[in-house]
C-alpha atoms as a PDB file:
ATOM      1  CA  MET A   1     139.706 -41.545  36.552  1.00  0.00           C
ATOM      2  CA  SER A   2     138.444 -38.093  36.138  1.00  0.00           C
ATOM      3  CA  THR A   3     137.635 -35.716  39.399  1.00  0.00           C
ATOM      4  CA  ALA A   4     134.399 -34.727  39.266  1.00  0.00           C
ATOM      5  CA  VAL A   5     135.577 -31.074  38.654  1.00  0.00           C
ATOM      6  CA  GLU A   6     137.665 -32.007  35.442  1.00  0.00           C
ATOM      7  CA  LEU A   7     134.194 -33.770  34.291  1.00  0.00           C
ATOM      8  CA  PHE A   8     132.639 -30.568  33.604  1.00  0.00           C
ATOM      9  CA  ASP A   9     136.187 -28.615  32.733  1.00  0.00           C
ATOM     10  CA  LEU A  10     135.623 -27.151  29.227  1.00  0.00           C
ATOM     11  CA  THR A  11     138.723 -25.667  28.871  1.00  0.00           C
ATOM     12  CA  GLY A  12     140.019 -25.591  25.405  1.00  0.00           C
ATOM     13  CA  ARG A  13     136.529 -26.958  23.613  1.00  0.00           C
ATOM     14  CA  THR A  14     134.806 -24.523  21.398  1.00  0.00           C
ATOM     15  CA  ALA A  15     130.595 -24.810  21.672  1.00  0.00           C
ATOM     16  CA  VAL A  16     128.148 -23.138  18.753  1.00  0.00           C
ATOM     17  CA  VAL A  17     125.080 -21.736  20.459  1.00  0.00           C
ATOM     18  CA  THR A  18     122.097 -20.412  18.309  1.00  0.00           C
ATOM     19  CA  GLY A  19     119.433 -18.282  19.656  1.00  0.00           C
ATOM     20  CA  ALA A  20     122.298 -17.231  22.117  1.00  0.00           C
ATOM     21  CA  ARG A  21     121.590 -13.152  21.996  1.00  0.00           C
ATOM     22  CA  ARG A  22     118.741 -13.363  25.164  1.00  0.00           C
ATOM     23  CA  GLY A  23     116.470 -15.268  27.407  1.00  0.00           C
ATOM     24  CA  ILE A  24     117.595 -19.363  27.456  1.00  0.00           C
ATOM     25  CA  GLY A  25     120.275 -19.153  24.653  1.00  0.00           C
ATOM     26  CA  LEU A  26     122.020 -16.449  26.554  1.00  0.00           C
ATOM     27  CA  ALA A  27     122.000 -18.612  29.712  1.00  0.00           C
ATOM     28  CA  MET A  28     123.625 -21.708  28.211  1.00  0.00           C
ATOM     29  CA  ALA A  29     126.256 -19.136  26.512  1.00  0.00           C
ATOM     30  CA  THR A  30     127.072 -18.111  29.757  1.00  0.00           C
ATOM     31  CA  ALA A  31     127.280 -21.574  31.425  1.00  0.00           C
ATOM     32  CA  LEU A  32     129.494 -23.146  28.713  1.00  0.00           C
ATOM     33  CA  THR A  33     132.010 -19.985  29.007  1.00  0.00           C
ATOM     34  CA  GLU A  34     132.309 -20.230  32.823  1.00  0.00           C
ATOM     35  CA  ALA A  35     132.855 -23.524  32.374  1.00  0.00           C
ATOM     36  CA  GLY A  36     135.723 -22.494  29.979  1.00  0.00           C
ATOM     37  CA  ALA A  37     134.105 -22.874  26.463  1.00  0.00           C
ATOM     38  CA  ASP A  38     134.891 -20.505  23.977  1.00  0.00           C
ATOM     39  CA  ILE A  39     131.761 -19.658  22.549  1.00  0.00           C
ATOM     40  CA  ILE A  40     130.473 -18.861  18.749  1.00  0.00           C
ATOM     41  CA  ALA A  41     127.069 -17.311  18.915  1.00  0.00           C
ATOM     42  CA  VAL A  42     124.793 -17.245  16.702  1.00  0.00           C
ATOM     43  CA  SER A  43     121.274 -15.183  15.891  1.00  0.00           C
ATOM     44  CA  ALA A  44     119.328 -13.631  13.702  1.00  0.00           C
ATOM     45  CA  ASN A  45     119.504 -10.487  15.192  1.00  0.00           C
ATOM     46  CA  LEU A  46     122.764 -10.437  16.825  1.00  0.00           C
ATOM     47  CA  GLU A  47     124.757  -7.167  17.545  1.00  0.00           C
ATOM     48  CA  PRO A  48     127.330  -6.670  15.795  1.00  0.00           C
ATOM     49  CA  ASP A  49     129.501  -5.659  18.377  1.00  0.00           C
ATOM     50  CA  GLY A  50     129.048  -5.215  21.992  1.00  0.00           C
ATOM     51  CA  SER A  51     125.967  -7.468  22.758  1.00  0.00           C
ATOM     52  CA  GLN A  52     125.010  -9.276  25.964  1.00  0.00           C
ATOM     53  CA  VAL A  53     126.670 -12.866  24.831  1.00  0.00           C
ATOM     54  CA  GLN A  54     129.646 -10.712  23.485  1.00  0.00           C
ATOM     55  CA  GLN A  55     130.321  -9.173  27.347  1.00  0.00           C
ATOM     56  CA  VAL A  56     129.916 -12.176  29.215  1.00  0.00           C
ATOM     57  CA  VAL A  57     132.325 -14.455  26.981  1.00  0.00           C
ATOM     58  CA  GLU A  58     134.843 -11.505  26.805  1.00  0.00           C
ATOM     59  CA  LYS A  59     134.516 -10.979  30.461  1.00  0.00           C
ATOM     60  CA  ALA A  60     135.224 -14.754  31.408  1.00  0.00           C
ATOM     61  CA  GLY A  61     138.196 -14.337  28.749  1.00  0.00           C
ATOM     62  CA  ARG A  62     137.156 -16.525  26.406  1.00  0.00           C
ATOM     63  CA  SER A  63     137.541 -16.212  22.701  1.00  0.00           C
ATOM     64  CA  TYR A  64     134.259 -15.291  21.186  1.00  0.00           C
ATOM     65  CA  VAL A  65     132.596 -15.054  17.776  1.00  0.00           C
ATOM     66  CA  GLY A  66     129.142 -13.558  16.559  1.00  0.00           C
ATOM     67  CA  LEU A  67     127.001 -14.065  13.847  1.00  0.00           C
ATOM     68  CA  GLN A  68     124.050 -13.456  12.531  1.00  0.00           C
ATOM     69  CA  ALA A  69     121.669 -15.576  10.365  1.00  0.00           C
ATOM     70  CA  ASP A  70     118.213 -16.161   9.872  1.00  0.00           C
ATOM     71  CA  LEU A  71     117.428 -19.536  10.554  1.00  0.00           C
ATOM     72  CA  ALA A  72     113.744 -19.416   8.662  1.00  0.00           C
ATOM     73  CA  ASP A  73     115.772 -18.845   5.677  1.00  0.00           C
ATOM     74  CA  ARG A  74     117.532 -22.088   4.084  1.00  0.00           C
ATOM     75  CA  ALA A  75     119.845 -20.338   2.365  1.00  0.00           C
ATOM     76  CA  ALA A  76     120.954 -18.658   5.234  1.00  0.00           C
ATOM     77  CA  VAL A  77     121.106 -21.583   6.815  1.00  0.00           C
ATOM     78  CA  THR A  78     123.957 -23.127   4.022  1.00  0.00           C
ATOM     79  CA  ASP A  79     125.886 -19.987   4.343  1.00  0.00           C
ATOM     80  CA  LEU A  80     126.174 -20.240   8.311  1.00  0.00           C
ATOM     81  CA  THR A  81     127.561 -23.506   8.158  1.00  0.00           C
ATOM     82  CA  GLN A  82     129.738 -22.318   5.202  1.00  0.00           C
ATOM     83  CA  ARG A  83     130.991 -19.747   7.272  1.00  0.00           C
ATOM     84  CA  LEU A  84     131.279 -21.555  10.505  1.00  0.00           C
ATOM     85  CA  HIS A  85     133.674 -24.451   8.085  1.00  0.00           C
ATOM     86  CA  ARG A  86     135.840 -21.189   7.342  1.00  0.00           C
ATOM     87  CA  LEU A  87     136.384 -20.357  10.204  1.00  0.00           C
ATOM     88  CA  GLY A  88     138.514 -23.197  10.838  1.00  0.00           C
ATOM     89  CA  THR A  89     137.709 -23.766  13.991  1.00  0.00           C
ATOM     90  CA  PRO A  90     137.065 -27.522  15.415  1.00  0.00           C
ATOM     91  CA  ILE A  91     133.201 -27.319  16.735  1.00  0.00           C
ATOM     92  CA  ASP A  92     133.189 -29.681  20.365  1.00  0.00           C
ATOM     93  CA  ILE A  93     130.074 -28.480  21.321  1.00  0.00           C
ATOM     94  CA  LEU A  94     126.629 -27.675  18.989  1.00  0.00           C
ATOM     95  CA  VAL A  95     123.935 -26.306  21.347  1.00  0.00           C
ATOM     96  CA  ASN A  96     120.748 -25.610  18.849  1.00  0.00           C
ATOM     97  CA  ASN A  97     118.356 -23.589  20.794  1.00  0.00           C
ATOM     98  CA  ALA A  98     117.235 -20.984  17.954  1.00  0.00           C
ATOM     99  CA  GLY A  99     113.686 -21.037  18.186  1.00  0.00           C
ATOM    100  CA  SER A 100     110.125 -19.322  17.252  1.00  0.00           C
ATOM    101  CA  ILE A 101     106.361 -19.744  18.042  1.00  0.00           C
ATOM    102  CA  ALA A 102     103.171 -18.680  16.903  1.00  0.00           C
ATOM    103  CA  ARG A 103     100.438 -18.144  19.289  1.00  0.00           C
ATOM    104  CA  THR A 104      97.053 -18.844  17.101  1.00  0.00           C
ATOM    105  CA  PRO A 105      94.705 -21.682  17.257  1.00  0.00           C
ATOM    106  CA  ALA A 106      94.626 -24.309  14.325  1.00  0.00           C
ATOM    107  CA  ALA A 107      92.084 -23.118  12.486  1.00  0.00           C
ATOM    108  CA  GLU A 108      93.813 -19.818  12.640  1.00  0.00           C
ATOM    109  CA  HIS A 109      97.674 -20.936  12.052  1.00  0.00           C
ATOM    110  CA  SER A 110      98.759 -19.303   8.491  1.00  0.00           C
ATOM    111  CA  ASP A 111     100.643 -21.279   5.814  1.00  0.00           C
ATOM    112  CA  ALA A 112     103.883 -18.676   6.263  1.00  0.00           C
ATOM    113  CA  ASP A 113     104.110 -19.142  10.173  1.00  0.00           C
ATOM    114  CA  TRP A 114     103.554 -22.841   9.962  1.00  0.00           C
ATOM    115  CA  ASP A 115     107.024 -22.443   7.237  1.00  0.00           C
ATOM    116  CA  ARG A 116     108.461 -20.088   9.607  1.00  0.00           C
ATOM    117  CA  ILE A 117     108.140 -22.108  12.619  1.00  0.00           C
ATOM    118  CA  LEU A 118     109.233 -25.274  11.162  1.00  0.00           C
ATOM    119  CA  ASN A 119     112.047 -24.043   9.148  1.00  0.00           C
ATOM    120  CA  VAL A 120     113.456 -22.299  12.351  1.00  0.00           C
ATOM    121  CA  ASN A 121     112.829 -24.962  14.598  1.00  0.00           C
ATOM    122  CA  LEU A 122     113.240 -28.228  13.035  1.00  0.00           C
ATOM    123  CA  SER A 123     114.596 -27.946   9.428  1.00  0.00           C
ATOM    124  CA  SER A 124     117.870 -25.832  10.480  1.00  0.00           C
ATOM    125  CA  GLN A 125     118.778 -27.550  13.163  1.00  0.00           C
ATOM    126  CA  PHE A 126     119.141 -30.686  11.008  1.00  0.00           C
ATOM    127  CA  VAL A 127     121.032 -28.952   8.695  1.00  0.00           C
ATOM    128  CA  ILE A 128     123.461 -27.549  11.021  1.00  0.00           C
ATOM    129  CA  SER A 129     123.668 -30.702  12.758  1.00  0.00           C
ATOM    130  CA  ARG A 130     124.130 -32.044   9.711  1.00  0.00           C
ATOM    131  CA  GLU A 131     127.065 -30.140   8.628  1.00  0.00           C
ATOM    132  CA  ILE A 132     128.543 -29.947  11.910  1.00  0.00           C
ATOM    133  CA  GLY A 133     128.188 -33.465  13.169  1.00  0.00           C
ATOM    134  CA  ARG A 134     129.996 -34.585  10.059  1.00  0.00           C
ATOM    135  CA  THR A 135     133.323 -33.020  11.204  1.00  0.00           C
ATOM    136  CA  MET A 136     132.346 -33.957  14.656  1.00  0.00           C
ATOM    137  CA  ILE A 137     132.325 -38.043  13.651  1.00  0.00           C
ATOM    138  CA  GLU A 138     135.631 -37.377  11.300  1.00  0.00           C
ATOM    139  CA  ARG A 139     137.576 -36.577  14.686  1.00  0.00           C
ATOM    140  CA  GLY A 140     135.595 -39.208  16.674  1.00  0.00           C
ATOM    141  CA  ARG A 141     133.800 -36.681  19.371  1.00  0.00           C
ATOM    142  CA  GLY A 142     131.123 -34.195  20.050  1.00  0.00           C
ATOM    143  CA  LYS A 143     127.710 -33.313  21.532  1.00  0.00           C
ATOM    144  CA  VAL A 144     125.025 -31.631  20.042  1.00  0.00           C
ATOM    145  CA  ILE A 145     122.391 -30.529  22.524  1.00  0.00           C
ATOM    146  CA  PHE A 146     118.876 -29.670  21.053  1.00  0.00           C
ATOM    147  CA  THR A 147     116.462 -27.561  22.757  1.00  0.00           C
ATOM    148  CA  ALA A 148     113.086 -29.544  23.018  1.00  0.00           C
ATOM    149  CA  SER A 149     109.856 -28.827  25.157  1.00  0.00           C
ATOM    150  CA  LEU A 150     107.395 -29.815  27.281  1.00  0.00           C
ATOM    151  CA  LEU A 151     105.699 -29.930  23.825  1.00  0.00           C
ATOM    152  CA  SER A 152     107.753 -32.924  22.718  1.00  0.00           C
ATOM    153  CA  PHE A 153     105.740 -34.794  25.009  1.00  0.00           C
ATOM    154  CA  GLN A 154     102.152 -32.629  24.822  1.00  0.00           C
ATOM    155  CA  GLY A 155      99.998 -31.609  22.453  1.00  0.00           C
ATOM    156  CA  GLY A 156      99.883 -27.802  24.071  1.00  0.00           C
ATOM    157  CA  ILE A 157      97.214 -25.370  22.967  1.00  0.00           C
ATOM    158  CA  ASN A 158      97.184 -22.773  20.169  1.00  0.00           C
ATOM    159  CA  VAL A 159     100.420 -23.629  19.445  1.00  0.00           C
ATOM    160  CA  PRO A 160     100.157 -26.641  15.907  1.00  0.00           C
ATOM    161  CA  GLY A 161     103.422 -25.237  14.110  1.00  0.00           C
ATOM    162  CA  TYR A 162     105.293 -25.623  17.547  1.00  0.00           C
ATOM    163  CA  THR A 163     104.547 -28.240  18.721  1.00  0.00           C
ATOM    164  CA  ALA A 164     105.098 -30.225  15.392  1.00  0.00           C
ATOM    165  CA  SER A 165     108.690 -28.262  16.015  1.00  0.00           C
ATOM    166  CA  LYS A 166     109.450 -29.242  18.933  1.00  0.00           C
ATOM    167  CA  SER A 167     108.128 -33.068  18.747  1.00  0.00           C
ATOM    168  CA  GLY A 168     110.174 -33.443  15.615  1.00  0.00           C
ATOM    169  CA  ILE A 169     113.243 -32.215  17.793  1.00  0.00           C
ATOM    170  CA  ALA A 170     112.515 -35.202  20.245  1.00  0.00           C
ATOM    171  CA  GLY A 171     112.360 -37.563  16.918  1.00  0.00           C
ATOM    172  CA  LEU A 172     115.416 -35.620  15.707  1.00  0.00           C
ATOM    173  CA  THR A 173     117.373 -36.505  18.852  1.00  0.00           C
ATOM    174  CA  ARG A 174     117.081 -39.799  18.867  1.00  0.00           C
ATOM    175  CA  ALA A 175     117.763 -40.349  15.095  1.00  0.00           C
ATOM    176  CA  LEU A 176     121.023 -38.794  15.592  1.00  0.00           C
ATOM    177  CA  SER A 177     121.610 -40.694  18.458  1.00  0.00           C
ATOM    178  CA  ASN A 178     121.341 -43.938  16.673  1.00  0.00           C
ATOM    179  CA  GLU A 179     123.609 -43.345  14.202  1.00  0.00           C
ATOM    180  CA  TRP A 180     126.374 -40.686  16.084  1.00  0.00           C
ATOM    181  CA  ALA A 181     126.473 -42.503  19.625  1.00  0.00           C
ATOM    182  CA  GLY A 182     128.892 -45.133  18.242  1.00  0.00           C
ATOM    183  CA  ARG A 183     131.092 -42.545  16.694  1.00  0.00           C
ATOM    184  CA  GLY A 184     131.788 -40.671  19.661  1.00  0.00           C
ATOM    185  CA  VAL A 185     129.237 -37.624  19.306  1.00  0.00           C
ATOM    186  CA  GLN A 186     126.380 -37.583  22.316  1.00  0.00           C
ATOM    187  CA  VAL A 187     123.176 -36.143  21.181  1.00  0.00           C
ATOM    188  CA  ASN A 188     120.902 -35.543  23.740  1.00  0.00           C
ATOM    189  CA  ALA A 189     117.822 -32.702  24.334  1.00  0.00           C
ATOM    190  CA  ILE A 190     116.709 -30.621  26.972  1.00  0.00           C
ATOM    191  CA  ALA A 191     112.535 -29.773  27.185  1.00  0.00           C
ATOM    192  CA  PRO A 192     112.298 -26.890  29.363  1.00  0.00           C
ATOM    193  CA  GLY A 193     109.460 -26.127  31.229  1.00  0.00           C
ATOM    194  CA  TYR A 194     107.599 -22.919  31.956  1.00  0.00           C
ATOM    195  CA  ILE A 195     110.667 -20.443  31.718  1.00  0.00           C
ATOM    196  CA  ALA A 196     109.761 -16.921  32.297  1.00  0.00           C
ATOM    197  CA  THR A 197     111.331 -15.383  28.613  1.00  0.00           C
ATOM    198  CA  ASP A 198     110.089 -13.117  26.084  1.00  0.00           C
ATOM    199  CA  ASN A 199     108.682 -16.273  23.887  1.00  0.00           C
ATOM    200  CA  THR A 200     106.446 -16.737  27.218  1.00  0.00           C
ATOM    201  CA  GLN A 201     105.345 -13.250  28.169  1.00  0.00           C
ATOM    202  CA  ALA A 202     102.043 -13.399  27.339  1.00  0.00           C
ATOM    203  CA  LEU A 203     101.084 -16.475  28.914  1.00  0.00           C
ATOM    204  CA  GLN A 204     102.712 -14.681  32.253  1.00  0.00           C
ATOM    205  CA  ASN A 205     100.682 -11.768  31.108  1.00  0.00           C
ATOM    206  CA  ASP A 206      97.567 -13.583  31.307  1.00  0.00           C
ATOM    207  CA  ARG A 207      96.645 -13.757  34.930  1.00  0.00           C
ATOM    208  CA  GLN A 208      94.553 -16.607  34.258  1.00  0.00           C
ATOM    209  CA  ARG A 209      96.527 -19.337  32.394  1.00  0.00           C
ATOM    210  CA  ASN A 210      99.500 -17.749  34.639  1.00  0.00           C
ATOM    211  CA  ARG A 211      97.581 -18.902  37.879  1.00  0.00           C
ATOM    212  CA  ALA A 212      96.933 -21.978  36.488  1.00  0.00           C
ATOM    213  CA  ILE A 213     100.087 -22.769  34.997  1.00  0.00           C
ATOM    214  CA  VAL A 214     101.651 -22.184  38.411  1.00  0.00           C
ATOM    215  CA  GLU A 215      99.399 -24.203  40.192  1.00  0.00           C
ATOM    216  CA  ARG A 216     100.097 -27.091  38.057  1.00  0.00           C
ATOM    217  CA  ILE A 217     103.645 -26.936  38.592  1.00  0.00           C
ATOM    218  CA  PRO A 218     104.928 -28.606  41.556  1.00  0.00           C
ATOM    219  CA  ALA A 219     108.063 -26.455  42.066  1.00  0.00           C
ATOM    220  CA  GLY A 220     105.491 -23.707  42.490  1.00  0.00           C
ATOM    221  CA  ARG A 221     107.512 -21.353  40.162  1.00  0.00           C
ATOM    222  CA  TRP A 222     108.242 -20.430  36.571  1.00  0.00           C
ATOM    223  CA  GLY A 223     111.592 -21.146  35.689  1.00  0.00           C
ATOM    224  CA  THR A 224     114.100 -19.005  34.659  1.00  0.00           C
ATOM    225  CA  ALA A 225     116.409 -19.358  32.294  1.00  0.00           C
ATOM    226  CA  GLY A 226     119.084 -19.867  34.988  1.00  0.00           C
ATOM    227  CA  ASP A 227     117.564 -22.647  35.300  1.00  0.00           C
ATOM    228  CA  LEU A 228     118.988 -24.577  32.054  1.00  0.00           C
ATOM    229  CA  ALA A 229     122.425 -24.058  32.829  1.00  0.00           C
ATOM    230  CA  GLY A 230     123.131 -27.078  34.499  1.00  0.00           C
ATOM    231  CA  ALA A 231     121.910 -29.502  32.552  1.00  0.00           C
ATOM    232  CA  THR A 232     123.408 -27.866  29.326  1.00  0.00           C
ATOM    233  CA  LEU A 233     126.706 -28.318  31.367  1.00  0.00           C
ATOM    234  CA  PHE A 234     126.213 -31.833  31.816  1.00  0.00           C
ATOM    235  CA  LEU A 235     125.270 -32.388  28.587  1.00  0.00           C
ATOM    236  CA  ALA A 236     127.905 -30.332  27.483  1.00  0.00           C
ATOM    237  CA  SER A 237     130.591 -32.298  29.435  1.00  0.00           C
ATOM    238  CA  ALA A 238     132.562 -35.512  29.438  1.00  0.00           C
ATOM    239  CA  ALA A 239     130.091 -36.254  32.412  1.00  0.00           C
ATOM    240  CA  SER A 240     127.571 -37.471  30.012  1.00  0.00           C
ATOM    241  CA  ASP A 241     129.780 -39.498  27.464  1.00  0.00           C
ATOM    242  CA  TYR A 242     127.534 -42.518  28.345  1.00  0.00           C
ATOM    243  CA  VAL A 243     124.440 -40.384  27.783  1.00  0.00           C
ATOM    244  CA  SER A 244     122.542 -40.349  24.123  1.00  0.00           C
ATOM    245  CA  GLY A 245     119.302 -39.681  22.635  1.00  0.00           C
ATOM    246  CA  ILE A 246     117.414 -38.676  26.142  1.00  0.00           C
ATOM    247  CA  ILE A 247     114.935 -35.513  26.241  1.00  0.00           C
ATOM    248  CA  LEU A 248     115.351 -34.241  29.887  1.00  0.00           C
ATOM    249  CA  PRO A 249     113.101 -32.482  31.354  1.00  0.00           C
ATOM    250  CA  VAL A 250     113.950 -28.849  33.104  1.00  0.00           C
ATOM    251  CA  ASP A 251     110.436 -28.504  34.418  1.00  0.00           C
ATOM    252  CA  GLY A 252     110.405 -27.961  37.786  1.00  0.00           C
ATOM    253  CA  GLY A 253     108.034 -31.091  37.654  1.00  0.00           C
ATOM    254  CA  TRP A 254     105.521 -30.435  35.376  1.00  0.00           C
ATOM    255  CA  LEU A 255     105.843 -33.345  33.190  1.00  0.00           C
ATOM    256  CA  GLY A 256     105.799 -35.846  36.335  1.00  0.00           C
ATOM    257  CA  ARG A 257     102.955 -34.472  37.947  1.00  0.00           C
END
C-alpha cells in the first residue's frame, strides 16, 4: 500500500496545462510542479521566454515546454495536438483549463462571442482530450481534468455562452469517464466558485454585486487561484485512481447554501 506522500507524488509525470499563463491555470501548473511533474504550458498569449509559469517550473528544477495556441481557432487546435505528439513525451496528465467569457445579456450576445466562447471552452477541449486521451488509453493510464464552473450547475446572469459551454463541460466529463474509466484513464472536473482573477474583475469592481456574492458564500470571501491547488493535485495523482466522472466544487460552500 502506498503512503500518503507517495499517493500525491507526481515525479516523472508530464502534465499539459492549458491557460497556464496566469490565474487558475498558473496555480494548477504550480501545484503540479511542486508535486514533481514536468509541465507543458499552453496559452494563446504565452510569452516565448521568461513567462511566470516558466519561472515557477524551472525554479523547481522541472522540465518546461511552452506552446502558444489560440483555442478559438480549430486549425490552431489541430496544430497544437500535432505539436504535442511531435514532442514525443508521453502525457500523463491533461488539465483543460483555458477559458473565455463575454458578459452581455442574451438578447445582445453576438454570434461571434457565442462561437468564440464555445470553441475555446468546449470544442477545443474535446479535440485536445480526444487526441491526448487516445494515447492515454493505449498506455492504460492517464488523468484528464477539466475546469468546469458553478455555471455547470446554475444558469448565471448575462453569460449565456459561458453557461452553455460550462454545462457542456460537465456532460463531457461524464461522457469521457463512462468510456475511459475502465481503460485506466480517470476523467474529472473542478468547478471553481467565485475566484478573484481577471475574468471576474468586473464583478469584483461592482460594489453591489461584490457584496451580494460575498454575503452568499458561506466561507465569507472570494476564492483565490491557490485554493484550486489541492483539488488539482488530488485529481492528477494516484490518490484519485478510483474517482472518475465527478465535478468537484471548490466554492467556499456556495452550492451547499
